[in-house]
Protein backbone atom coordinates (compact mmCIF):
# COMPACT_ATOMS: atom_id res chain seq x y z
CA MET A 1 -6.14 -1.54 17.32
CA PRO A 2 -5.99 -5.34 17.62
CA GLY A 3 -9.11 -7.43 18.20
CA GLN A 4 -9.92 -9.38 21.33
CA GLY A 5 -8.71 -12.96 21.59
CA GLY A 6 -11.22 -15.76 21.82
CA GLY A 7 -12.07 -17.62 25.02
CA GLY A 8 -10.31 -20.88 25.88
CA GLY A 9 -11.81 -24.22 24.88
CA GLY A 10 -13.58 -26.54 27.22
CA GLY A 11 -11.63 -28.98 29.31
CA ARG A 12 -11.80 -32.73 28.76
CA ARG A 13 -13.63 -34.81 31.32
CA GLY A 14 -11.83 -36.68 34.06
CA GLY A 15 -8.21 -36.72 34.92
CA LEU A 16 -8.13 -35.07 38.36
CA ALA A 17 -9.30 -36.45 41.68
CA ALA A 18 -10.23 -34.46 44.77
CA CYS A 19 -11.17 -36.15 48.03
CA GLY A 20 -11.56 -39.48 46.33
CA ALA A 21 -14.10 -38.28 43.73
CA VAL A 22 -13.41 -38.16 40.05
CA SER A 23 -13.77 -34.62 38.64
CA LYS A 24 -16.01 -33.97 35.67
CA GLY A 25 -13.82 -31.28 34.19
CA GLY A 26 -10.25 -30.74 33.08
CA ALA A 27 -8.00 -27.91 32.16
CA GLY A 28 -9.46 -25.33 29.76
CA GLY A 29 -8.11 -24.82 26.31
CA GLY A 30 -5.78 -21.95 25.52
CA SER A 31 -7.05 -18.47 24.61
CA GLY A 32 -7.42 -17.66 20.99
CA GLY A 33 -5.07 -15.13 19.43
CA ALA A 34 -6.17 -11.51 18.89
CA GLY A 35 -7.27 -10.51 15.43
CA GLY A 36 -4.77 -8.56 13.30
CA CYS A 37 -4.90 -4.80 12.93
CA GLY A 38 -6.78 -3.32 9.99
CA GLY A 39 -4.63 -1.85 7.20
CA ARG A 40 -4.36 1.95 6.83
CA GLY A 41 -6.28 3.60 4.05
CA GLY A 42 -4.45 4.98 1.03
CA ARG A 43 -3.62 8.70 0.80
CA GLY A 44 -6.03 10.89 -1.04
CA GLY A 45 -5.07 12.18 -4.46
CA GLU A 46 -4.12 15.91 -4.55
CA ASN A 47 -6.11 18.45 -6.51
CA GLY A 48 -4.71 19.51 -9.84
CA TYR A 49 -3.02 22.90 -10.14
CA PRO A 50 -5.17 25.66 -11.71
CA THR A 51 -4.09 27.84 -14.58
CA ILE A 52 -4.88 31.54 -14.10
CA GLY A 53 -4.32 34.40 -16.58
CA ILE A 54 -4.49 37.38 -14.11
CA ILE A 55 -4.93 37.54 -10.33
CA ALA A 56 -6.05 40.77 -8.67
CA LEU A 57 -6.11 40.88 -4.84
CA HIS A 58 -7.26 44.16 -3.27
CA ALA A 59 -6.06 46.08 -6.36
CA LYS A 60 -7.88 48.28 -8.91
CA LEU A 61 -7.65 46.52 -12.27
CA THR A 62 -8.70 47.82 -15.68
CA VAL A 63 -8.20 45.62 -18.74
CA ARG A 64 -8.94 47.06 -22.24
CA ASP A 65 -8.66 45.62 -25.75
CA SER A 66 -6.76 42.56 -24.57
CA VAL A 67 -6.68 38.77 -25.05
CA ILE A 68 -6.27 36.80 -21.86
CA MET A 69 -4.80 33.31 -22.29
CA THR A 70 -4.19 30.37 -20.02
CA LEU A 71 -2.46 27.01 -20.43
CA GLU A 72 -3.80 23.57 -19.61
CA ALA A 73 -4.70 23.02 -15.96
CA GLY A 74 -3.19 20.17 -13.94
CA GLN A 75 -4.76 16.73 -13.59
CA GLY A 76 -6.06 15.54 -10.21
CA GLY A 77 -3.91 13.00 -8.34
CA ASP A 78 -4.87 9.33 -8.16
CA GLY A 79 -5.89 7.81 -4.83
CA GLY A 80 -3.17 5.95 -2.98
CA GLU A 81 -3.08 2.19 -2.53
CA PRO A 82 -4.25 0.71 0.76
CA GLU A 83 -2.10 -1.09 3.32
CA ARG A 84 -2.75 -4.84 3.86
CA GLY A 85 -4.23 -6.02 7.15
CA GLY A 86 -1.87 -7.24 9.90
CA LYS A 87 -1.36 -10.87 10.91
CA GLY A 88 -3.37 -12.22 13.82
CA GLY A 89 -1.82 -13.11 17.14
CA ARG A 90 -0.81 -16.65 18.15
CA GLY A 91 -3.14 -18.78 20.21
CA GLN A 92 -1.91 -19.61 23.71
CA LEU A 93 -1.10 -22.96 25.22
CA GLY A 94 -3.85 -24.88 26.98
CA GLY A 95 -3.83 -25.74 30.63
CA ALA A 96 -2.17 -28.74 32.25
CA VAL A 97 -4.46 -31.61 33.12
CA GLY A 98 -2.26 -32.95 35.90
CA ASP A 99 -1.37 -36.32 34.46
CA GLY A 100 1.23 -34.86 32.16
CA THR A 101 -1.16 -34.04 29.36
CA TRP A 102 -2.31 -30.64 28.15
CA SER A 103 -5.53 -29.33 26.77
CA CYS A 104 -5.69 -27.88 23.26
CA ARG A 105 -3.88 -24.75 22.20
CA GLY A 106 -6.05 -21.75 21.25
CA GLY A 107 -6.43 -20.93 17.57
CA ASN A 108 -4.53 -18.11 15.96
CA GLY A 109 -6.30 -14.76 15.33
CA GLY A 110 -7.42 -13.90 11.85
CA LEU A 111 -5.89 -11.39 9.46
CA GLY A 112 -6.93 -7.79 9.85
CA GLY A 113 -8.94 -6.29 7.01
CA ASP A 114 -7.15 -4.34 4.24
CA GLY A 115 -7.47 -0.55 4.24
CA GLY A 116 -9.33 1.28 1.46
CA TYR A 117 -7.97 3.18 -1.49
CA GLY A 118 -7.53 6.94 -1.03
CA GLY A 119 -9.97 9.18 -2.86
CA PRO A 120 -9.13 10.78 -6.19
CA GLY A 121 -8.17 14.43 -6.55
CA ARG A 122 -10.19 17.05 -8.42
CA GLY A 123 -8.88 18.46 -11.69
CA GLY A 124 -7.46 21.97 -11.81
CA ASP A 125 -9.48 24.97 -13.07
CA SER A 126 -8.72 27.18 -16.06
CA ILE A 127 -9.46 30.79 -15.04
CA GLY A 128 -9.05 33.98 -17.12
CA ILE A 129 -9.17 36.52 -14.31
CA ALA A 130 -9.36 35.69 -10.58
CA TYR A 131 -10.11 38.64 -8.37
CA LEU A 132 -11.16 39.61 -4.86
CA ASP A 133 -12.98 43.03 -4.97
CA GLU A 134 -15.98 43.33 -7.30
CA ASP A 135 -15.88 47.13 -7.47
CA GLN A 136 -12.16 47.22 -8.37
CA LEU A 137 -12.45 45.26 -11.69
CA THR A 138 -13.13 46.97 -15.04
CA LEU A 139 -13.15 45.04 -18.30
CA GLU A 140 -13.56 46.60 -21.76
CA ASN A 141 -13.37 44.65 -25.04
CA VAL A 142 -11.59 41.68 -23.46
CA THR A 143 -11.47 38.23 -25.16
CA TYR A 144 -10.36 34.92 -23.70
CA GLU A 145 -8.38 31.94 -25.00
CA LEU A 146 -8.54 29.57 -22.09
CA GLY A 147 -6.78 26.23 -21.91
CA PRO A 148 -8.64 23.05 -20.96
CA PRO A 149 -9.33 22.18 -17.32
CA GLY A 150 -7.65 19.26 -15.61
CA LYS A 151 -9.22 15.83 -15.48
CA GLY A 152 -10.05 14.32 -12.10
CA GLY A 153 -7.79 11.59 -10.78
CA THR A 154 -8.79 7.92 -10.43
CA SER A 155 -9.21 5.51 -7.59
CA TRP A 156 -11.29 2.40 -6.63
CA ASP A 157 -14.06 1.80 -4.16
CA TRP A 158 -14.53 -1.20 -1.83
CA SER A 159 -16.14 -3.28 -4.61
CA GLY A 160 -13.33 -2.70 -7.06
CA THR A 161 -15.28 -0.24 -9.20
CA MET A 162 -13.21 2.64 -10.60
CA VAL A 163 -14.05 6.06 -9.14
CA THR A 164 -13.08 9.31 -10.91
CA GLY A 165 -12.56 12.70 -9.31
CA GLU A 166 -14.46 15.72 -10.50
CA ASP A 167 -12.98 17.53 -13.52
CA GLY A 168 -11.93 21.17 -13.23
CA ILE A 169 -13.93 23.96 -14.80
CA VAL A 170 -13.27 26.78 -17.32
CA VAL A 171 -14.35 30.28 -16.32
CA GLU A 172 -13.50 33.69 -17.75
CA THR A 173 -13.72 35.46 -14.41
CA LEU A 174 -13.93 34.10 -10.85
CA ARG A 175 -14.37 36.11 -7.69
CA PHE A 176 -12.62 34.66 -4.68
CA PRO A 177 -14.74 34.42 -1.52
CA GLU A 178 -13.51 36.58 1.33
C-alpha cells in the first residue's frame, strides 16, 4: 500500500492584495508524492523429499530377517529472492500566486523498501519404516542401511547473514501422528 504524500510547502509573502491591504501569505507549495510500495518478500524454500523404506498405514505388518534400505533424502529448497521496492509518486504543482508566478512543486515520494528473502526449506528425512498403528507392527531380526538425510536450504536475513534450514533426520522407525 503506498505511503501518504507530504503536505504542501509554505507560501511566499506578499503578492496578493485584498481591500487595499497587502497580504502576508501566498499560494502554498505542492503536495509531496506518496512513498513507493514495499517490495514483496521472496517465496519460502520447500522442504526436501523424505526417503522411506516401508510405509504401513492401518495394516498389520511383520518383518523378519530383513535388511531395510533407503536412498539419500532430498535437500531443502533455498529461500526466494525479494522484490525491489516501488518508485515513489511525483510531487504536485504548487499553487498560483496571482501575478503569473507559482509556488514550489512538492518533492517526489521516496522508494519503497525492498522485501525480505524467503525462508529456507528443511532437509528431507531418511526413515526405515513409517507406520500408523503401534499394535500392528512386528519386527524380528531387522537391520537397517539408511541413506543420509537432506541438508537444509539456504537464505539470508535482513542484515545479509546467511541462514540455513534445519537438516533432516535419520530414524529406523517413525510413527505418524493421527
